[in-house]
Amino acid sequence: MTSTLDRQAAVNATRAACLDAWALLVPVVCAGCGSPDRGLCDRCRTRLRAPGGPGSDARVRWSCPDGTPGLAARRYDALVGAVLLAYKEDARVGLVRPLAAALEPAFRLAMAEAAGTDGVTPEIATVPARRRAARERGFHPVERIVRRLGARPHRPLRWVREPADQRDFGRAERFANLDGALVAREPLDGRRFLLVEDVVTTGATVAEAIRAVHAAGGVVAGVVALARVDG
């Protein structure tokens, strides 16, 4: 009788063969290192999930300005930046699988911690996409990752104005640029949320989302992200 391990090995071998054949028909390069391969080579896939090596804990904790706890699966680096760029800007949506796998351990832990003493599971909230980004991409990158994790994302907030592009802004400028830009779509009294982001840099976007939720009567019990930028 074929063992479970034998069957799994056969499945893995078949999958690898199919991916090799597909790569010949539609040549791609690894989104992480650029080598001729599949969407993400095995080495980059492993580094994305375990940046400090297999079995390491590279998670990062921080506190938002109002004290809300934050948890990131890892620190931001060139690999994360390259994979997210390919996923979000080049619409390489197949990268949602390794991105979700990298986020999953931190996501499950943050969910448990955000449940509170009453054990009520928090709703998953995402920051709404900017109008221009939504038009150009045609999908919400973070929501797609959340769905890949088997969770249901909610959109409790909306933009009341379009903030300026923040790429060249300093920390204070980013917070000022976003102040008052988000509002709740409806009253959120008594609702508890876990806010999910891909990357947290200064924390300005997260802080504005938390402010808007609290202003509508809701609670953001925690923030979880794939990566956190140092400093």
C-alpha atoms as a PDB file:
ATOM      1  CA  MET A   1       0.000   0.000   0.000  1.00  0.00           C
ATOM      2  CA  THR A   2       1.273   3.443  -0.944  1.00  0.00           C
ATOM      3  CA  SER A   3       2.066   5.498   2.124  1.00  0.00           C
ATOM      4  CA  THR A   4       0.872   9.050   2.717  1.00  0.00           C
ATOM      5  CA  LEU A   5       4.464  10.268   2.345  1.00  0.00           C
ATOM      6  CA  ASP A   6       4.805   8.475  -0.991  1.00  0.00           C
ATOM      7  CA  ARG A   7       1.571  10.023  -2.266  1.00  0.00           C
ATOM      8  CA  GLN A   8       2.669  13.492  -1.170  1.00  0.00           C
ATOM      9  CA  ALA A   9       6.035  13.039  -2.838  1.00  0.00           C
ATOM     10  CA  ALA A  10       4.279  12.029  -6.052  1.00  0.00           C
ATOM     11  CA  VAL A  11       2.016  15.081  -5.871  1.00  0.00           C
ATOM     12  CA  ASN A  12       4.999  17.373  -5.291  1.00  0.00           C
ATOM     13  CA  ALA A  13       6.932  15.828  -8.172  1.00  0.00           C
ATOM     14  CA  THR A  14       3.944  16.167 -10.519  1.00  0.00           C
ATOM     15  CA  ARG A  15       3.430  19.784  -9.499  1.00  0.00           C
ATOM     16  CA  ALA A  16       7.110  20.584 -10.048  1.00  0.00           C
ATOM     17  CA  ALA A  17       7.039  18.960 -13.495  1.00  0.00           C
ATOM     18  CA  CYS A  18       3.942  20.960 -14.480  1.00  0.00           C
ATOM     19  CA  LEU A  19       5.545  24.202 -13.309  1.00  0.00           C
ATOM     20  CA  ASP A  20       8.734  23.407 -15.246  1.00  0.00           C
ATOM     21  CA  ALA A  21       6.698  22.793 -18.393  1.00  0.00           C
ATOM     22  CA  TRP A  22       4.737  26.006 -17.904  1.00  0.00           C
ATOM     23  CA  ALA A  23       7.963  27.979 -17.408  1.00  0.00           C
ATOM     24  CA  LEU A  24       9.153  26.752 -20.820  1.00  0.00           C
ATOM     25  CA  LEU A  25       5.937  27.905 -22.483  1.00  0.00           C
ATOM     26  CA  VAL A  26       5.721  31.229 -20.644  1.00  0.00           C
ATOM     27  CA  PRO A  27       9.237  32.233 -19.521  1.00  0.00           C
ATOM     28  CA  VAL A  28       9.358  34.172 -16.265  1.00  0.00           C
ATOM     29  CA  VAL A  29      11.993  35.357 -13.856  1.00  0.00           C
ATOM     30  CA  CYS A  30      11.934  35.079 -10.100  1.00  0.00           C
ATOM     31  CA  ALA A  31      10.333  38.181  -8.563  1.00  0.00           C
ATOM     32  CA  GLY A  32      12.866  38.065  -5.759  1.00  0.00           C
ATOM     33  CA  CYS A  33      16.274  37.579  -7.379  1.00  0.00           C
ATOM     34  CA  GLY A  34      15.550  37.847 -11.098  1.00  0.00           C
ATOM     35  CA  SER A  35      16.921  34.430 -11.994  1.00  0.00           C
ATOM     36  CA  PRO A  36      15.177  32.482 -14.781  1.00  0.00           C
ATOM     37  CA  ASP A  37      12.679  30.364 -12.878  1.00  0.00           C
ATOM     38  CA  ARG A  38       9.080  30.366 -11.801  1.00  0.00           C
ATOM     39  CA  GLY A  39       7.313  33.313 -10.229  1.00  0.00           C
ATOM     40  CA  LEU A  40       9.404  32.907  -7.082  1.00  0.00           C
ATOM     41  CA  CYS A  41      12.326  30.506  -6.852  1.00  0.00           C
ATOM     42  CA  ASP A  42      12.568  28.029  -3.983  1.00  0.00           C
ATOM     43  CA  ARG A  43      15.427  29.947  -2.352  1.00  0.00           C
ATOM     44  CA  CYS A  44      13.541  33.261  -2.339  1.00  0.00           C
ATOM     45  CA  ARG A  45      10.352  31.537  -1.234  1.00  0.00           C
ATOM     46  CA  THR A  46      12.186  30.106   1.769  1.00  0.00           C
ATOM     47  CA  ARG A  47      13.826  33.456   2.586  1.00  0.00           C
ATOM     48  CA  LEU A  48      10.456  35.203   2.384  1.00  0.00           C
ATOM     49  CA  ARG A  49       8.931  32.834   4.931  1.00  0.00           C
ATOM     50  CA  ALA A  50      11.980  32.479   7.196  1.00  0.00           C
ATOM     51  CA  PRO A  51      14.342  35.450   6.712  1.00  0.00           C
ATOM     52  CA  GLY A  52      16.531  34.355   9.620  1.00  0.00           C
ATOM     53  CA  GLY A  53      16.669  30.753   8.465  1.00  0.00           C
ATOM     54  CA  PRO A  54      14.303  27.784   9.002  1.00  0.00           C
ATOM     55  CA  GLY A  55      12.886  27.699  12.504  1.00  0.00           C
ATOM     56  CA  SER A  56      13.856  31.290  13.288  1.00  0.00           C
ATOM     57  CA  ASP A  57      11.436  33.886  14.649  1.00  0.00           C
ATOM     58  CA  ALA A  58      11.917  37.124  12.726  1.00  0.00           C
ATOM     59  CA  ARG A  59       8.682  38.752  13.883  1.00  0.00           C
ATOM     60  CA  VAL A  60       8.730  42.417  14.856  1.00  0.00           C
ATOM     61  CA  ARG A  61       6.547  44.044  17.507  1.00  0.00           C
ATOM     62  CA  TRP A  62       5.865  47.746  17.943  1.00  0.00           C
ATOM     63  CA  SER A  63       3.251  50.084  19.411  1.00  0.00           C
ATOM     64  CA  CYS A  64       1.227  52.530  17.333  1.00  0.00           C
ATOM     65  CA  PRO A  65       1.044  56.160  18.547  1.00  0.00           C
ATOM     66  CA  ASP A  66      -2.175  55.446  20.483  1.00  0.00           C
ATOM     67  CA  GLY A  67      -0.750  52.267  22.027  1.00  0.00           C
ATOM     68  CA  THR A  68      -2.385  49.754  19.684  1.00  0.00           C
ATOM     69  CA  PRO A  69      -0.049  46.725  19.419  1.00  0.00           C
ATOM     70  CA  GLY A  70       1.527  45.959  16.054  1.00  0.00           C
ATOM     71  CA  LEU A  71       3.042  42.724  14.825  1.00  0.00           C
ATOM     72  CA  ALA A  72       4.941  42.150  11.585  1.00  0.00           C
ATOM     73  CA  ALA A  73       5.984  38.799  10.169  1.00  0.00           C
ATOM     74  CA  ARG A  74       9.446  40.161   9.400  1.00  0.00           C
ATOM     75  CA  ARG A  75      11.522  43.272   8.803  1.00  0.00           C
ATOM     76  CA  TYR A  76      11.283  44.960   5.428  1.00  0.00           C
ATOM     77  CA  ASP A  77      14.170  44.293   3.063  1.00  0.00           C
ATOM     78  CA  ALA A  78      14.984  44.224  -0.640  1.00  0.00           C
ATOM     79  CA  LEU A  79      13.381  40.805  -1.122  1.00  0.00           C
ATOM     80  CA  VAL A  80      10.049  41.893   0.348  1.00  0.00           C
ATOM     81  CA  GLY A  81      10.162  45.087  -1.696  1.00  0.00           C
ATOM     82  CA  ALA A  82      10.850  43.267  -4.950  1.00  0.00           C
ATOM     83  CA  VAL A  83       8.142  40.640  -4.449  1.00  0.00           C
ATOM     84  CA  LEU A  84       5.521  43.206  -3.403  1.00  0.00           C
ATOM     85  CA  LEU A  85       6.415  45.432  -6.360  1.00  0.00           C
ATOM     86  CA  ALA A  86       5.929  42.548  -8.777  1.00  0.00           C
ATOM     87  CA  TYR A  87       2.690  41.541  -7.066  1.00  0.00           C
ATOM     88  CA  LYS A  88       1.123  45.008  -6.804  1.00  0.00           C
ATOM     89  CA  GLU A  89       2.479  46.952  -9.762  1.00  0.00           C
ATOM     90  CA  ASP A  90       3.134  44.196 -12.311  1.00  0.00           C
ATOM     91  CA  ALA A  91      -0.059  42.300 -11.404  1.00  0.00           C
ATOM     92  CA  ARG A  92       1.802  39.029 -10.819  1.00  0.00           C
ATOM     93  CA  VAL A  93      -1.113  37.800  -8.740  1.00  0.00           C
ATOM     94  CA  GLY A  94       0.301  34.289  -8.408  1.00  0.00           C
ATOM     95  CA  LEU A  95       2.681  35.753  -5.812  1.00  0.00           C
ATOM     96  CA  VAL A  96      -0.261  35.982  -3.416  1.00  0.00           C
ATOM     97  CA  ARG A  97       0.482  32.398  -2.354  1.00  0.00           C
ATOM     98  CA  PRO A  98       4.031  32.901  -1.010  1.00  0.00           C
ATOM     99  CA  LEU A  99       3.091  36.313   0.407  1.00  0.00           C
ATOM    100  CA  ALA A 100       0.170  34.817   2.313  1.00  0.00           C
ATOM    101  CA  ALA A 101       2.362  31.945   3.520  1.00  0.00           C
ATOM    102  CA  ALA A 102       4.908  34.452   4.836  1.00  0.00           C
ATOM    103  CA  LEU A 103       2.237  36.458   6.658  1.00  0.00           C
ATOM    104  CA  GLU A 104       0.249  33.525   8.025  1.00  0.00           C
ATOM    105  CA  PRO A 105       2.097  32.752  11.309  1.00  0.00           C
ATOM    106  CA  ALA A 106       2.000  36.406  12.418  1.00  0.00           C
ATOM    107  CA  PHE A 107      -1.589  36.731  11.222  1.00  0.00           C
ATOM    108  CA  ARG A 108      -2.785  33.734  13.286  1.00  0.00           C
ATOM    109  CA  LEU A 109      -0.955  34.987  16.363  1.00  0.00           C
ATOM    110  CA  ALA A 110      -2.334  38.515  15.982  1.00  0.00           C
ATOM    111  CA  MET A 111      -5.845  37.135  15.557  1.00  0.00           C
ATOM    112  CA  ALA A 112      -5.541  35.212  18.822  1.00  0.00           C
ATOM    113  CA  GLU A 113      -4.118  38.189  20.687  1.00  0.00           C
ATOM    114  CA  ALA A 114      -6.769  40.568  19.320  1.00  0.00           C
ATOM    115  CA  ALA A 115      -9.606  38.314  20.470  1.00  0.00           C
ATOM    116  CA  GLY A 116      -9.387  39.681  24.000  1.00  0.00           C
ATOM    117  CA  THR A 117     -10.600  38.103  27.222  1.00  0.00           C
ATOM    118  CA  ASP A 118     -14.097  37.514  25.853  1.00  0.00           C
ATOM    119  CA  GLY A 119     -12.753  35.304  23.063  1.00  0.00           C
ATOM    120  CA  VAL A 120     -14.679  37.168  20.358  1.00  0.00           C
ATOM    121  CA  THR A 121     -12.899  36.836  17.014  1.00  0.00           C
ATOM    122  CA  PRO A 122     -12.075  40.276  15.599  1.00  0.00           C
ATOM    123  CA  GLU A 123     -13.213  41.339  12.156  1.00  0.00           C
ATOM    124  CA  ILE A 124     -10.456  41.752   9.584  1.00  0.00           C
ATOM    125  CA  ALA A 125     -10.131  45.329   8.352  1.00  0.00           C
ATOM    126  CA  THR A 126      -7.994  46.658   5.518  1.00  0.00           C
ATOM    127  CA  VAL A 127      -7.167  50.205   4.544  1.00  0.00           C
ATOM    128  CA  PRO A 128      -9.161  51.084   1.407  1.00  0.00           C
ATOM    129  CA  ALA A 129      -7.158  51.374  -1.785  1.00  0.00           C
ATOM    130  CA  ARG A 130      -6.474  54.853  -3.095  1.00  0.00           C
ATOM    131  CA  ARG A 131      -8.779  55.639  -6.020  1.00  0.00           C
ATOM    132  CA  ARG A 132      -6.003  55.863  -8.587  1.00  0.00           C
ATOM    133  CA  ALA A 133      -4.331  52.638  -7.411  1.00  0.00           C
ATOM    134  CA  ALA A 134      -7.662  50.815  -7.439  1.00  0.00           C
ATOM    135  CA  ARG A 135      -8.298  51.880 -11.037  1.00  0.00           C
ATOM    136  CA  GLU A 136      -4.825  50.950 -12.246  1.00  0.00           C
ATOM    137  CA  ARG A 137      -4.492  47.601 -10.451  1.00  0.00           C
ATOM    138  CA  GLY A 138      -8.040  46.338 -10.649  1.00  0.00           C
ATOM    139  CA  PHE A 139      -7.634  44.436  -7.370  1.00  0.00           C
ATOM    140  CA  HIS A 140      -6.904  45.122  -3.693  1.00  0.00           C
ATOM    141  CA  PRO A 141      -3.536  43.473  -2.915  1.00  0.00           C
ATOM    142  CA  VAL A 142      -3.974  43.105   0.864  1.00  0.00           C
ATOM    143  CA  GLU A 143      -7.553  41.846   0.600  1.00  0.00           C
ATOM    144  CA  ARG A 144      -6.434  39.156  -1.827  1.00  0.00           C
ATOM    145  CA  ILE A 145      -3.782  38.022   0.674  1.00  0.00           C
ATOM    146  CA  VAL A 146      -6.374  37.958   3.474  1.00  0.00           C
ATOM    147  CA  ARG A 147      -8.707  35.814   1.368  1.00  0.00           C
ATOM    148  CA  ARG A 148      -5.841  33.455   0.589  1.00  0.00           C
ATOM    149  CA  LEU A 149      -5.516  32.973   4.356  1.00  0.00           C
ATOM    150  CA  GLY A 150      -9.145  31.865   4.478  1.00  0.00           C
ATOM    151  CA  ALA A 151     -10.392  35.029   6.174  1.00  0.00           C
ATOM    152  CA  ARG A 152     -12.969  37.580   5.102  1.00  0.00           C
ATOM    153  CA  PRO A 153     -11.710  41.163   4.739  1.00  0.00           C
ATOM    154  CA  HIS A 154     -13.971  44.072   5.643  1.00  0.00           C
ATOM    155  CA  ARG A 155     -13.882  47.641   4.392  1.00  0.00           C
ATOM    156  CA  PRO A 156     -15.136  49.741   7.317  1.00  0.00           C
ATOM    157  CA  LEU A 157     -13.437  52.912   6.056  1.00  0.00           C
ATOM    158  CA  ARG A 158     -13.424  55.167   3.009  1.00  0.00           C
ATOM    159  CA  TRP A 159     -11.328  58.080   1.807  1.00  0.00           C
ATOM    160  CA  VAL A 160     -12.935  61.515   2.087  1.00  0.00           C
ATOM    161  CA  ARG A 161     -10.046  63.091   0.204  1.00  0.00           C
ATOM    162  CA  GLU A 162      -7.142  61.832  -1.858  1.00  0.00           C
ATOM    163  CA  PRO A 163      -3.872  62.373   0.036  1.00  0.00           C
ATOM    164  CA  ALA A 164      -0.758  63.481  -1.803  1.00  0.00           C
ATOM    165  CA  ASP A 165       1.833  60.898  -2.834  1.00  0.00           C
ATOM    166  CA  GLN A 166       3.928  60.269   0.281  1.00  0.00           C
ATOM    167  CA  ARG A 167       7.043  58.671  -1.162  1.00  0.00           C
ATOM    168  CA  ASP A 168       9.239  61.735  -0.678  1.00  0.00           C
ATOM    169  CA  PHE A 169       7.667  62.839   2.625  1.00  0.00           C
ATOM    170  CA  GLY A 170       9.284  62.630   6.035  1.00  0.00           C
ATOM    171  CA  ARG A 171       7.555  61.194   9.072  1.00  0.00           C
ATOM    172  CA  ALA A 172       5.826  64.399  10.226  1.00  0.00           C
ATOM    173  CA  GLU A 173       4.742  65.241   6.671  1.00  0.00           C
ATOM    174  CA  ARG A 174       3.182  61.803   6.231  1.00  0.00           C
ATOM    175  CA  PHE A 175       1.111  62.095   9.389  1.00  0.00           C
ATOM    176  CA  ALA A 176      -0.044  65.618   8.432  1.00  0.00           C
ATOM    177  CA  ASN A 177      -0.867  64.505   4.882  1.00  0.00           C
ATOM    178  CA  LEU A 178      -3.175  61.731   6.110  1.00  0.00           C
ATOM    179  CA  ASP A 179      -4.797  63.507   9.054  1.00  0.00           C
ATOM    180  CA  GLY A 180      -8.583  63.318   8.660  1.00  0.00           C
ATOM    181  CA  ALA A 181      -8.420  61.579   5.264  1.00  0.00           C
ATOM    182  CA  LEU A 182     -10.374  58.479   6.353  1.00  0.00           C
ATOM    183  CA  VAL A 183     -13.868  58.108   7.810  1.00  0.00           C
ATOM    184  CA  ALA A 184     -16.049  55.119   8.652  1.00  0.00           C
ATOM    185  CA  ARG A 185     -18.698  54.045   6.171  1.00  0.00           C
ATOM    186  CA  GLU A 186     -21.169  53.541   9.034  1.00  0.00           C
ATOM    187  CA  PRO A 187     -21.279  53.542  12.846  1.00  0.00           C
ATOM    188  CA  LEU A 188     -18.905  50.916  14.240  1.00  0.00           C
ATOM    189  CA  ASP A 189     -20.133  50.820  17.838  1.00  0.00           C
ATOM    190  CA  GLY A 190     -19.049  47.651  19.634  1.00  0.00           C
ATOM    191  CA  ARG A 191     -17.100  46.216  16.682  1.00  0.00           C
ATOM    192  CA  ARG A 192     -13.543  44.955  17.186  1.00  0.00           C
ATOM    193  CA  PHE A 193     -11.052  44.870  14.314  1.00  0.00           C
ATOM    194  CA  LEU A 194      -7.648  43.493  13.441  1.00  0.00           C
ATOM    195  CA  LEU A 195      -6.101  45.823  10.849  1.00  0.00           C
ATOM    196  CA  VAL A 196      -4.035  44.082   8.162  1.00  0.00           C
ATOM    197  CA  GLU A 197      -1.406  45.833   6.040  1.00  0.00           C
ATOM    198  CA  ASP A 198       1.358  44.677   3.716  1.00  0.00           C
ATOM    199  CA  VAL A 199       4.107  47.065   4.843  1.00  0.00           C
ATOM    200  CA  VAL A 200       4.216  49.536   7.727  1.00  0.00           C
ATOM    201  CA  THR A 201       6.775  52.325   7.294  1.00  0.00           C
ATOM    202  CA  THR A 202       6.228  55.362   9.520  1.00  0.00           C
ATOM    203  CA  GLY A 203       2.841  54.043  10.612  1.00  0.00           C
ATOM    204  CA  ALA A 204       0.984  57.139   9.395  1.00  0.00           C
ATOM    205  CA  THR A 205      -1.592  55.226   7.342  1.00  0.00           C
ATOM    206  CA  VAL A 206      -2.214  52.754  10.152  1.00  0.00           C
ATOM    207  CA  ALA A 207      -2.561  55.591  12.685  1.00  0.00           C
ATOM    208  CA  GLU A 208      -5.120  57.360  10.510  1.00  0.00           C
ATOM    209  CA  ALA A 209      -7.118  54.143  10.052  1.00  0.00           C
ATOM    210  CA  ILE A 210      -7.129  53.546  13.811  1.00  0.00           C
ATOM    211  CA  ARG A 211      -8.261  57.119  14.442  1.00  0.00           C
ATOM    212  CA  ALA A 212     -11.143  56.772  11.976  1.00  0.00           C
ATOM    213  CA  VAL A 213     -12.314  53.461  13.455  1.00  0.00           C
ATOM    214  CA  HIS A 214     -12.213  54.827  17.000  1.00  0.00           C
ATOM    215  CA  ALA A 215     -14.035  58.001  15.929  1.00  0.00           C
ATOM    216  CA  ALA A 216     -16.900  55.815  14.688  1.00  0.00           C
ATOM    217  CA  GLY A 217     -17.122  53.877  17.963  1.00  0.00           C
ATOM    218  CA  GLY A 218     -15.130  50.802  16.970  1.00  0.00           C
ATOM    219  CA  VAL A 219     -11.938  49.341  18.391  1.00  0.00           C
ATOM    220  CA  VAL A 220      -8.733  48.350  16.592  1.00  0.00           C
ATOM    221  CA  ALA A 221      -7.372  45.636  18.859  1.00  0.00           C
ATOM    222  CA  GLY A 222      -4.192  45.107  16.850  1.00  0.00           C
ATOM    223  CA  VAL A 223      -2.314  45.636  13.604  1.00  0.00           C
ATOM    224  CA  VAL A 224      -0.559  42.901  11.662  1.00  0.00           C
ATOM    225  CA  ALA A 225       1.651  43.353   8.607  1.00  0.00           C
ATOM    226  CA  LEU A 226       3.896  41.309   6.396  1.00  0.00           C
ATOM    227  CA  ALA A 227       6.838  43.636   7.023  1.00  0.00           C
ATOM    228  CA  ARG A 228       7.884  46.584   9.165  1.00  0.00           C
ATOM    229  CA  VAL A 229      10.415  49.161   8.015  1.00  0.00           C
ATOM    230  CA  ASP A 230      13.187  49.852  10.522  1.00  0.00           C
ATOM    231  CA  GLY A 231      13.046  53.255  12.205  1.00  0.00           C
END
